[in-house]
N, C-alpha and C. Protein backbone atom coordinates (compact mmCIF):
# COMPACT_ATOMS: atom_id res chain seq x y z
N MET A 1 185.26 152.35 42.29
CA MET A 1 184.84 151.67 41.68
C MET A 1 183.44 151.65 42.68
N GLU A 2 182.14 151.92 41.99
CA GLU A 2 181.07 151.11 42.64
C GLU A 2 180.88 149.87 43.38
N HIS A 3 180.32 149.47 44.23
CA HIS A 3 180.48 148.88 44.98
C HIS A 3 178.50 147.90 44.61
N GLY A 4 178.86 146.36 45.24
CA GLY A 4 178.00 145.69 44.67
C GLY A 4 178.16 144.07 44.73
N VAL A 5 176.83 143.03 44.37
CA VAL A 5 177.37 141.93 44.44
C VAL A 5 178.15 141.71 42.87
N TRP A 6 177.50 142.30 41.53
CA TRP A 6 178.29 141.84 40.62
C TRP A 6 179.32 142.27 40.43
N GLN A 7 179.83 142.93 41.34
CA GLN A 7 180.82 144.21 41.11
C GLN A 7 182.11 142.59 42.13
N GLU A 8 181.61 142.87 43.83
CA GLU A 8 182.30 141.83 43.72
C GLU A 8 182.90 140.49 42.84
N ILE A 9 181.94 139.81 42.46
CA ILE A 9 182.34 138.55 41.21
C ILE A 9 182.94 138.55 40.69
N VAL A 10 182.63 139.93 39.98
CA VAL A 10 183.70 140.29 38.60
C VAL A 10 184.93 140.76 39.65
N LYS A 11 184.76 141.44 40.01
CA LYS A 11 186.73 141.85 40.81
C LYS A 11 187.22 139.98 41.74
N ALA A 12 186.49 138.97 41.69
CA ALA A 12 186.96 137.52 42.57
C ALA A 12 186.95 137.15 41.47
N LYS A 13 186.52 136.59 40.88
CA LYS A 13 186.73 135.72 39.77
C LYS A 13 187.79 135.95 38.24
N TYR A 14 187.87 137.08 37.97
CA TYR A 14 188.53 137.85 37.30
C TYR A 14 189.46 139.20 37.82
N LEU A 15 189.12 139.29 38.24
CA LEU A 15 190.47 140.71 38.81
C LEU A 15 191.52 140.58 39.83
N SER A 16 191.20 139.43 40.56
CA SER A 16 192.10 139.71 42.29
C SER A 16 192.51 140.83 42.60
N SER A 17 193.91 140.58 42.38
CA SER A 17 194.46 141.97 42.68
C SER A 17 194.99 142.82 42.16
N ASP A 18 194.66 142.41 40.70
CA ASP A 18 194.70 143.59 39.58
C ASP A 18 193.61 144.28 39.09
N LEU A 19 194.37 145.60 37.85
CA LEU A 19 193.25 147.04 38.03
C LEU A 19 192.18 146.73 36.88
N VAL A 20 191.88 146.55 36.39
CA VAL A 20 191.51 146.90 35.49
C VAL A 20 192.13 147.18 33.94
N SER A 21 192.71 148.22 34.27
CA SER A 21 193.73 148.56 33.07
C SER A 21 194.85 147.89 33.14
N THR A 22 194.88 146.81 33.84
CA THR A 22 196.55 146.21 33.86
C THR A 22 196.31 144.05 33.74
N VAL A 23 194.75 143.76 34.14
CA VAL A 23 194.29 142.46 34.27
C VAL A 23 194.79 141.99 32.63
N LYS A 24 195.32 140.61 32.78
CA LYS A 24 195.78 139.93 31.34
C LYS A 24 194.93 139.07 31.50
N TRP A 25 194.25 138.45 29.76
CA TRP A 25 193.46 137.51 29.15
C TRP A 25 194.28 136.00 29.67
N LYS A 26 193.14 135.02 30.40
CA LYS A 26 193.12 134.03 30.88
C LYS A 26 192.80 133.08 30.38
N VAL A 27 193.33 131.72 30.11
CA VAL A 27 192.41 131.04 29.41
C VAL A 27 191.24 130.53 30.02
N ASN A 28 190.79 130.11 30.79
CA ASN A 28 189.01 129.95 31.53
C ASN A 28 188.61 131.39 31.14
N ASP A 29 188.92 131.96 30.70
CA ASP A 29 187.85 133.03 31.46
C ASP A 29 186.68 133.38 30.04
N SER A 30 185.48 133.67 30.53
CA SER A 30 184.34 133.22 29.54
C SER A 30 185.05 134.12 28.43
N PRO A 31 184.06 133.99 27.65
CA PRO A 31 183.54 134.12 26.29
C PRO A 31 183.32 135.79 26.11
N VAL A 32 182.78 136.05 27.39
CA VAL A 32 181.99 137.82 27.69
C VAL A 32 182.97 138.37 28.24
N TRP A 33 183.97 137.88 28.88
CA TRP A 33 184.42 138.54 29.56
C TRP A 33 186.07 139.08 28.22
N LYS A 34 186.68 137.96 27.47
CA LYS A 34 187.51 138.03 26.58
C LYS A 34 186.99 138.64 25.46
N ASP A 35 185.91 139.52 25.01
CA ASP A 35 185.13 140.43 25.04
C ASP A 35 185.10 141.58 25.57
N LEU A 36 185.03 141.71 26.38
CA LEU A 36 184.88 143.38 27.45
C LEU A 36 186.19 143.44 26.82
N LEU A 37 187.49 142.49 27.28
CA LEU A 37 188.56 142.78 27.75
C LEU A 37 189.38 143.65 26.23
N GLN A 38 189.00 142.91 25.45
CA GLN A 38 188.82 143.58 23.95
C GLN A 38 188.91 145.20 23.61
N ILE A 39 188.06 145.85 24.18
CA ILE A 39 187.12 146.81 24.39
C ILE A 39 187.74 147.64 24.99
N ARG A 40 188.48 146.97 26.56
CA ARG A 40 188.70 147.40 27.91
C ARG A 40 189.17 149.48 27.08
N HIS A 41 189.90 149.19 26.29
CA HIS A 41 190.21 151.10 26.06
C HIS A 41 189.28 151.76 25.90
N ILE A 42 187.88 151.65 25.50
CA ILE A 42 187.13 152.16 25.44
C ILE A 42 186.24 152.64 26.75
N TYR A 43 186.28 151.52 28.06
CA TYR A 43 186.04 151.80 29.24
C TYR A 43 187.07 153.11 29.36
N LEU A 44 188.16 153.03 29.74
CA LEU A 44 189.40 153.26 30.01
C LEU A 44 189.31 154.42 29.83
N ARG A 45 189.45 155.22 28.31
CA ARG A 45 189.43 156.68 27.63
C ARG A 45 188.11 157.30 28.22
N GLY A 46 186.52 156.68 28.63
CA GLY A 46 185.52 157.13 29.19
C GLY A 46 185.42 157.80 30.78
N ARG A 47 186.21 157.11 31.55
CA ARG A 47 185.92 157.28 32.75
C ARG A 47 186.38 158.07 33.91
N SER A 48 186.10 158.45 34.74
CA SER A 48 186.91 159.17 36.06
C SER A 48 187.34 158.10 36.83
N ILE A 49 188.11 158.46 37.34
CA ILE A 49 188.36 158.32 38.92
C ILE A 49 188.84 159.07 40.08
N LYS A 50 188.50 158.86 41.42
CA LYS A 50 188.81 159.13 42.28
C LYS A 50 190.19 158.77 42.90
N THR A 51 191.17 159.29 42.96
CA THR A 51 192.31 158.53 43.42
C THR A 51 192.71 157.83 45.37
N ARG A 52 191.46 158.43 45.76
CA ARG A 52 191.78 157.97 47.65
C ARG A 52 193.35 158.55 47.77
N ASN A 53 194.07 157.24 48.26
CA ASN A 53 195.07 157.01 48.84
C ASN A 53 196.25 156.33 47.05
N GLY A 54 196.18 156.25 45.89
CA GLY A 54 196.72 156.01 45.46
C GLY A 54 196.59 154.79 44.57
N ALA A 55 196.28 153.49 45.89
CA ALA A 55 196.54 152.20 45.30
C ALA A 55 195.81 152.19 44.43
N ASN A 56 195.36 152.27 44.09
CA ASN A 56 194.30 151.44 42.51
C ASN A 56 194.49 152.68 41.26
N THR A 57 195.23 153.66 41.51
CA THR A 57 195.11 154.61 40.47
C THR A 57 196.71 154.19 40.45
N LEU A 58 196.44 154.42 38.71
CA LEU A 58 198.40 154.13 38.34
C LEU A 58 198.71 155.30 37.12
N LEU A 59 200.04 155.65 37.87
CA LEU A 59 200.96 156.94 37.88
C LEU A 59 200.87 157.28 36.38
N TRP A 60 201.05 156.36 35.05
CA TRP A 60 201.43 156.63 34.38
C TRP A 60 199.76 156.51 33.08
N LYS A 61 199.17 155.35 33.63
CA LYS A 61 198.07 154.96 32.50
C LYS A 61 196.13 155.90 32.84
N ASP A 62 196.38 156.06 34.07
CA ASP A 62 195.04 156.33 34.56
C ASP A 62 194.97 157.96 34.16
N VAL A 63 193.42 158.51 34.02
CA VAL A 63 193.00 160.12 33.70
C VAL A 63 192.68 160.49 35.48
N TRP A 64 193.98 160.67 36.01
CA TRP A 64 194.02 161.06 37.26
C TRP A 64 194.19 162.33 38.09
N LEU A 65 195.05 163.29 37.27
CA LEU A 65 195.65 164.38 37.70
C LEU A 65 195.14 165.64 36.64
N ASP A 66 194.94 164.93 35.00
CA ASP A 66 194.36 166.06 34.14
C ASP A 66 193.52 165.89 33.28
N SER A 67 193.40 165.79 31.80
CA SER A 67 192.24 165.32 30.97
C SER A 67 192.34 164.03 30.41
N GLN A 68 194.18 164.49 30.43
CA GLN A 68 194.75 162.76 29.50
C GLN A 68 195.53 162.08 30.76
N PRO A 69 196.38 160.95 30.35
CA PRO A 69 196.87 160.10 31.78
C PRO A 69 198.61 160.73 31.01
N LEU A 70 199.14 160.69 32.11
CA LEU A 70 200.28 160.97 32.26
C LEU A 70 201.38 160.55 31.13
N CYS A 71 200.43 158.94 30.41
CA CYS A 71 201.36 158.42 29.70
C CYS A 71 201.29 159.58 28.27
N ILE A 72 200.19 160.05 28.26
CA ILE A 72 200.23 160.39 26.49
C ILE A 72 200.62 162.51 27.21
N LEU A 73 200.97 163.05 28.47
CA LEU A 73 200.81 164.06 28.16
C LEU A 73 202.96 164.32 28.96
N GLN A 74 203.34 163.30 28.96
CA GLN A 74 204.73 162.60 29.17
C GLN A 74 205.10 161.52 28.35
N PRO A 75 204.61 161.61 27.25
CA PRO A 75 205.54 160.14 26.13
C PRO A 75 206.76 159.92 26.72
N VAL A 76 207.84 160.58 26.16
CA VAL A 76 209.27 160.55 26.38
C VAL A 76 209.57 159.83 28.02
N LEU A 77 209.05 160.55 28.73
CA LEU A 77 209.46 160.25 30.46
C LEU A 77 208.88 158.29 30.49
N PHE A 78 207.59 158.66 29.99
CA PHE A 78 206.55 157.18 30.75
C PHE A 78 207.63 156.05 29.46
N ASP A 79 208.14 156.60 28.20
CA ASP A 79 208.91 155.69 27.58
C ASP A 79 210.53 154.97 28.40
N LEU A 80 210.56 156.12 29.27
CA LEU A 80 212.29 155.65 30.03
C LEU A 80 211.98 155.11 30.96
N CYS A 81 210.44 155.54 31.57
CA CYS A 81 210.79 154.26 32.69
C CYS A 81 210.18 153.01 33.24
N SER A 82 210.84 152.88 34.00
CA SER A 82 210.68 151.13 33.91
C SER A 82 210.05 150.22 34.72
N ASP A 83 209.00 150.76 35.37
CA ASP A 83 208.02 150.77 35.62
C ASP A 83 206.81 151.40 35.40
N LYS A 84 205.69 150.68 34.05
CA LYS A 84 204.74 151.18 33.70
C LYS A 84 203.54 150.87 34.45
N ASN A 85 203.89 150.35 34.83
CA ASN A 85 202.08 149.97 36.15
C ASN A 85 203.13 150.54 37.63
N ILE A 86 203.10 151.82 37.53
CA ILE A 86 203.15 152.06 38.84
C ILE A 86 202.57 152.86 39.40
N THR A 87 201.84 152.71 40.76
CA THR A 87 200.66 153.51 41.00
C THR A 87 201.02 154.78 42.03
N VAL A 88 199.78 155.52 42.24
CA VAL A 88 199.91 156.70 42.88
C VAL A 88 200.89 156.61 44.15
N LEU A 89 199.83 155.49 44.67
CA LEU A 89 200.86 155.43 46.14
C LEU A 89 201.83 154.97 45.94
N TYR A 90 202.60 153.95 45.28
CA TYR A 90 204.07 153.42 45.26
C TYR A 90 204.62 154.59 44.83
N PHE A 91 204.51 155.80 44.26
CA PHE A 91 205.12 157.05 43.79
C PHE A 91 204.96 157.64 44.45
N ILE A 92 204.25 157.83 45.45
CA ILE A 92 204.80 158.63 47.02
C ILE A 92 205.44 158.23 47.84
N GLN A 93 205.99 156.82 48.31
CA GLN A 93 206.33 156.01 49.18
C GLN A 93 207.33 155.97 48.75
N LYS A 94 207.65 156.20 47.39
CA LYS A 94 208.89 156.51 46.98
C LYS A 94 209.39 157.60 46.96
N LEU A 95 209.04 158.32 47.17
CA LEU A 95 209.23 160.20 47.78
C LEU A 95 209.45 160.52 45.59
N GLY A 96 208.55 160.25 44.89
CA GLY A 96 209.19 160.31 43.62
C GLY A 96 210.42 159.74 43.43
N LYS A 97 211.14 158.89 43.38
CA LYS A 97 212.26 158.31 43.29
C LYS A 97 212.03 156.89 42.52
N ILE A 98 211.33 157.03 41.16
CA ILE A 98 211.72 155.92 40.44
C ILE A 98 212.79 155.88 39.45
N GLN A 99 212.47 154.63 39.00
CA GLN A 99 213.89 154.28 37.97
C GLN A 99 213.73 154.53 35.94
N PHE A 100 214.39 154.95 35.57
CA PHE A 100 214.19 155.19 34.21
C PHE A 100 215.78 154.73 33.84
N GLN A 101 215.57 154.83 32.15
CA GLN A 101 216.51 153.63 31.41
C GLN A 101 216.38 153.94 29.88
N ARG A 102 217.68 154.46 29.71
CA ARG A 102 217.11 154.58 28.45
C ARG A 102 217.26 153.42 27.66
C-alpha cells in the first residue's frame, strides 16, 4: 500500500484494522465508499501485493503465491477451511496447522 495523506485518511476512517478485502460495509459510510466497496472485486483482481511479513496478506484470498489466489487454485481446501480470512503471518505462526472441517 502506498503511503500518503489520502491513504492515511481512508485507512483511519474506513479500514481501521481491516484489510480492503475483508472490510464490511457500515451504515455511516459515505456514498462514495459504498460504491467503491461494490466494485472492490475489480480492484482486488487487478492488484499485486508484496507479502512482506504476511500480516496484511490473506492466505486464501490474496494473490501472493501464484497468479491466482489459493481459494481459486485449491477450492476444496478453501471450502473446508474454518478460517477463510487467515493471514499468511498467522498461518506461519501456527506452523501451517489450521482447522479444516466437513
